[in-house]
């Protein structure tokens, strides 16, 4: 076996393999959110009266910063501003056994024109 592969296998066996992120519900994510940025409603979406909910999932670092945003559902005109806003959020660190861990935070934004 090549030395590099042996080293990687050794790290994995020694417990250095990355743990899966802890999944948070929408309620848990909202209570862990320390600072929130609301998305801009795109002008084109307003003009076309596009509205709806965008479902997202944020990968939150051990320190509470958003590392990555996954778009789960929503109108493509609305998903980009929603994802850009979520990238600016800050979360309280998620603890497992007293240690901070990465987390997957479920977040939804609802865009509505307000017209009846």
C-alpha atoms as a PDB file:
ATOM      1  CA  UNK A   1       0.000   0.000   0.000  1.00  0.00           C
ATOM      2  CA  UNK A   2       1.307   3.481  -0.818  1.00  0.00           C
ATOM      3  CA  UNK A   3       2.455   5.600   2.174  1.00  0.00           C
ATOM      4  CA  UNK A   4      -0.048   8.415   1.503  1.00  0.00           C
ATOM      5  CA  UNK A   5      -2.967   5.993   1.460  1.00  0.00           C
ATOM      6  CA  UNK A   6      -1.744   4.337   4.659  1.00  0.00           C
ATOM      7  CA  UNK A   7      -1.520   7.761   6.315  1.00  0.00           C
ATOM      8  CA  UNK A   8      -5.097   8.642   5.286  1.00  0.00           C
ATOM      9  CA  UNK A   9      -6.409   5.305   6.483  1.00  0.00           C
ATOM     10  CA  UNK A  10      -4.539   5.829   9.750  1.00  0.00           C
ATOM     11  CA  UNK A  11      -6.143   9.249  10.253  1.00  0.00           C
ATOM     12  CA  UNK A  12      -9.567   7.801   9.591  1.00  0.00           C
ATOM     13  CA  UNK A  13      -9.010   4.947  12.006  1.00  0.00           C
ATOM     14  CA  UNK A  14      -7.651   7.335  14.632  1.00  0.00           C
ATOM     15  CA  UNK A  15     -10.935   9.229  14.776  1.00  0.00           C
ATOM     16  CA  UNK A  16      -9.988  12.161  12.552  1.00  0.00           C
ATOM     17  CA  UNK A  17     -12.647  11.355   9.971  1.00  0.00           C
ATOM     18  CA  UNK A  18     -15.138  14.182   9.646  1.00  0.00           C
ATOM     19  CA  UNK A  19     -18.309  13.695  11.621  1.00  0.00           C
ATOM     20  CA  UNK A  20     -21.608  14.225   9.810  1.00  0.00           C
ATOM     21  CA  UNK A  21     -23.238  17.585  10.505  1.00  0.00           C
ATOM     22  CA  UNK A  22     -26.046  17.691  13.072  1.00  0.00           C
ATOM     23  CA  UNK A  23     -29.389  18.396  11.407  1.00  0.00           C
ATOM     24  CA  UNK A  24     -31.457  21.209  12.905  1.00  0.00           C
ATOM     25  CA  UNK A  25     -35.168  21.701  12.393  1.00  0.00           C
ATOM     26  CA  UNK A  26     -36.457  25.069  11.183  1.00  0.00           C
ATOM     27  CA  UNK A  27     -37.432  25.933  14.765  1.00  0.00           C
ATOM     28  CA  UNK A  28     -33.986  24.960  16.121  1.00  0.00           C
ATOM     29  CA  UNK A  29     -32.272  26.900  13.332  1.00  0.00           C
ATOM     30  CA  UNK A  30     -34.343  30.025  13.983  1.00  0.00           C
ATOM     31  CA  UNK A  31     -33.622  29.910  17.718  1.00  0.00           C
ATOM     32  CA  UNK A  32     -29.882  29.432  17.034  1.00  0.00           C
ATOM     33  CA  UNK A  33     -29.763  32.369  14.584  1.00  0.00           C
ATOM     34  CA  UNK A  34     -27.944  35.269  16.232  1.00  0.00           C
ATOM     35  CA  UNK A  35     -28.129  37.659  13.290  1.00  0.00           C
ATOM     36  CA  UNK A  36     -30.389  37.458  10.256  1.00  0.00           C
ATOM     37  CA  UNK A  37     -30.433  39.221   6.918  1.00  0.00           C
ATOM     38  CA  UNK A  38     -33.685  39.346   4.979  1.00  0.00           C
ATOM     39  CA  UNK A  39     -33.459  38.731   1.236  1.00  0.00           C
ATOM     40  CA  UNK A  40     -34.077  41.483  -1.315  1.00  0.00           C
ATOM     41  CA  UNK A  41     -37.278  40.941  -3.287  1.00  0.00           C
ATOM     42  CA  UNK A  42     -36.123  40.958  -6.946  1.00  0.00           C
ATOM     43  CA  UNK A  43     -37.666  43.771  -9.016  1.00  0.00           C
ATOM     44  CA  UNK A  44     -38.440  41.330 -11.826  1.00  0.00           C
ATOM     45  CA  UNK A  45     -40.269  39.040  -9.395  1.00  0.00           C
ATOM     46  CA  UNK A  46     -42.377  41.976  -8.172  1.00  0.00           C
ATOM     47  CA  UNK A  47     -43.174  43.039 -11.739  1.00  0.00           C
ATOM     48  CA  UNK A  48     -44.167  39.501 -12.717  1.00  0.00           C
ATOM     49  CA  UNK A  49     -45.930  38.977  -9.365  1.00  0.00           C
ATOM     50  CA  UNK A  50     -43.802  35.952  -8.628  1.00  0.00           C
ATOM     51  CA  UNK A  51     -44.124  34.917  -5.018  1.00  0.00           C
ATOM     52  CA  UNK A  52     -43.681  31.832  -2.894  1.00  0.00           C
ATOM     53  CA  UNK A  53     -41.461  30.088  -0.394  1.00  0.00           C
ATOM     54  CA  UNK A  54     -37.814  29.192  -0.841  1.00  0.00           C
ATOM     55  CA  UNK A  55     -36.557  26.254   1.239  1.00  0.00           C
ATOM     56  CA  UNK A  56     -32.829  26.262   2.009  1.00  0.00           C
ATOM     57  CA  UNK A  57     -30.324  24.354   4.079  1.00  0.00           C
ATOM     58  CA  UNK A  58     -27.228  26.054   5.493  1.00  0.00           C
ATOM     59  CA  UNK A  59     -24.053  24.242   6.433  1.00  0.00           C
ATOM     60  CA  UNK A  60     -23.009  26.036   9.615  1.00  0.00           C
ATOM     61  CA  UNK A  61     -19.417  25.873  10.867  1.00  0.00           C
ATOM     62  CA  UNK A  62     -18.419  25.045  14.417  1.00  0.00           C
ATOM     63  CA  UNK A  63     -18.063  28.811  14.997  1.00  0.00           C
ATOM     64  CA  UNK A  64     -21.577  29.577  13.685  1.00  0.00           C
ATOM     65  CA  UNK A  65     -20.714  30.988  10.233  1.00  0.00           C
ATOM     66  CA  UNK A  66     -22.590  29.807   7.146  1.00  0.00           C
ATOM     67  CA  UNK A  67     -20.131  27.858   4.984  1.00  0.00           C
ATOM     68  CA  UNK A  68     -22.479  26.733   2.224  1.00  0.00           C
ATOM     69  CA  UNK A  69     -26.132  27.058   1.238  1.00  0.00           C
ATOM     70  CA  UNK A  70     -28.108  24.316  -0.499  1.00  0.00           C
ATOM     71  CA  UNK A  71     -31.293  25.297  -2.334  1.00  0.00           C
ATOM     72  CA  UNK A  72     -33.964  22.685  -1.658  1.00  0.00           C
ATOM     73  CA  UNK A  73     -36.960  24.239  -3.414  1.00  0.00           C
ATOM     74  CA  UNK A  74     -38.411  27.476  -4.700  1.00  0.00           C
ATOM     75  CA  UNK A  75     -38.872  29.588  -7.783  1.00  0.00           C
ATOM     76  CA  UNK A  76     -35.461  30.131  -9.452  1.00  0.00           C
ATOM     77  CA  UNK A  77     -36.076  33.903  -9.589  1.00  0.00           C
ATOM     78  CA  UNK A  78     -36.298  33.918  -5.777  1.00  0.00           C
ATOM     79  CA  UNK A  79     -33.677  31.334  -4.798  1.00  0.00           C
ATOM     80  CA  UNK A  80     -30.555  33.421  -5.501  1.00  0.00           C
ATOM     81  CA  UNK A  81     -31.484  36.390  -3.265  1.00  0.00           C
ATOM     82  CA  UNK A  82     -32.633  33.958  -0.563  1.00  0.00           C
ATOM     83  CA  UNK A  83     -29.336  32.051  -0.668  1.00  0.00           C
ATOM     84  CA  UNK A  84     -27.299  35.282  -0.685  1.00  0.00           C
ATOM     85  CA  UNK A  85     -29.147  36.537   2.410  1.00  0.00           C
ATOM     86  CA  UNK A  86     -28.714  33.244   4.276  1.00  0.00           C
ATOM     87  CA  UNK A  87     -24.945  33.289   3.616  1.00  0.00           C
ATOM     88  CA  UNK A  88     -24.812  36.450   5.780  1.00  0.00           C
ATOM     89  CA  UNK A  89     -26.526  34.869   8.809  1.00  0.00           C
ATOM     90  CA  UNK A  90     -24.621  34.071  11.997  1.00  0.00           C
ATOM     91  CA  UNK A  91     -25.625  31.184  14.274  1.00  0.00           C
ATOM     92  CA  UNK A  92     -24.796  30.245  17.845  1.00  0.00           C
ATOM     93  CA  UNK A  93     -22.389  27.284  17.810  1.00  0.00           C
ATOM     94  CA  UNK A  94     -24.217  23.950  17.942  1.00  0.00           C
ATOM     95  CA  UNK A  95     -22.914  21.745  20.746  1.00  0.00           C
ATOM     96  CA  UNK A  96     -22.864  17.950  20.928  1.00  0.00           C
ATOM     97  CA  UNK A  97     -21.457  16.519  24.149  1.00  0.00           C
ATOM     98  CA  UNK A  98     -20.265  20.028  25.008  1.00  0.00           C
ATOM     99  CA  UNK A  99     -18.217  20.404  21.812  1.00  0.00           C
ATOM    100  CA  UNK A 100     -19.085  22.653  18.858  1.00  0.00           C
ATOM    101  CA  UNK A 101     -19.989  20.736  15.684  1.00  0.00           C
ATOM    102  CA  UNK A 102     -21.018  21.553  12.139  1.00  0.00           C
ATOM    103  CA  UNK A 103     -24.764  21.742  11.628  1.00  0.00           C
ATOM    104  CA  UNK A 104     -27.302  21.705   8.802  1.00  0.00           C
ATOM    105  CA  UNK A 105     -29.866  24.422   9.458  1.00  0.00           C
ATOM    106  CA  UNK A 106     -33.205  24.359   7.650  1.00  0.00           C
ATOM    107  CA  UNK A 107     -34.414  27.871   6.747  1.00  0.00           C
ATOM    108  CA  UNK A 108     -37.337  29.108   4.644  1.00  0.00           C
ATOM    109  CA  UNK A 109     -38.010  32.558   3.213  1.00  0.00           C
ATOM    110  CA  UNK A 110     -41.471  33.549   1.977  1.00  0.00           C
ATOM    111  CA  UNK A 111     -41.705  36.184  -0.714  1.00  0.00           C
ATOM    112  CA  UNK A 112     -45.087  37.832  -1.270  1.00  0.00           C
ATOM    113  CA  UNK A 113     -46.093  40.902  -3.202  1.00  0.00           C
ATOM    114  CA  UNK A 114     -48.657  42.046  -0.702  1.00  0.00           C
ATOM    115  CA  UNK A 115     -51.218  42.538  -3.505  1.00  0.00           C
ATOM    116  CA  UNK A 116     -54.590  40.929  -3.055  1.00  0.00           C
END
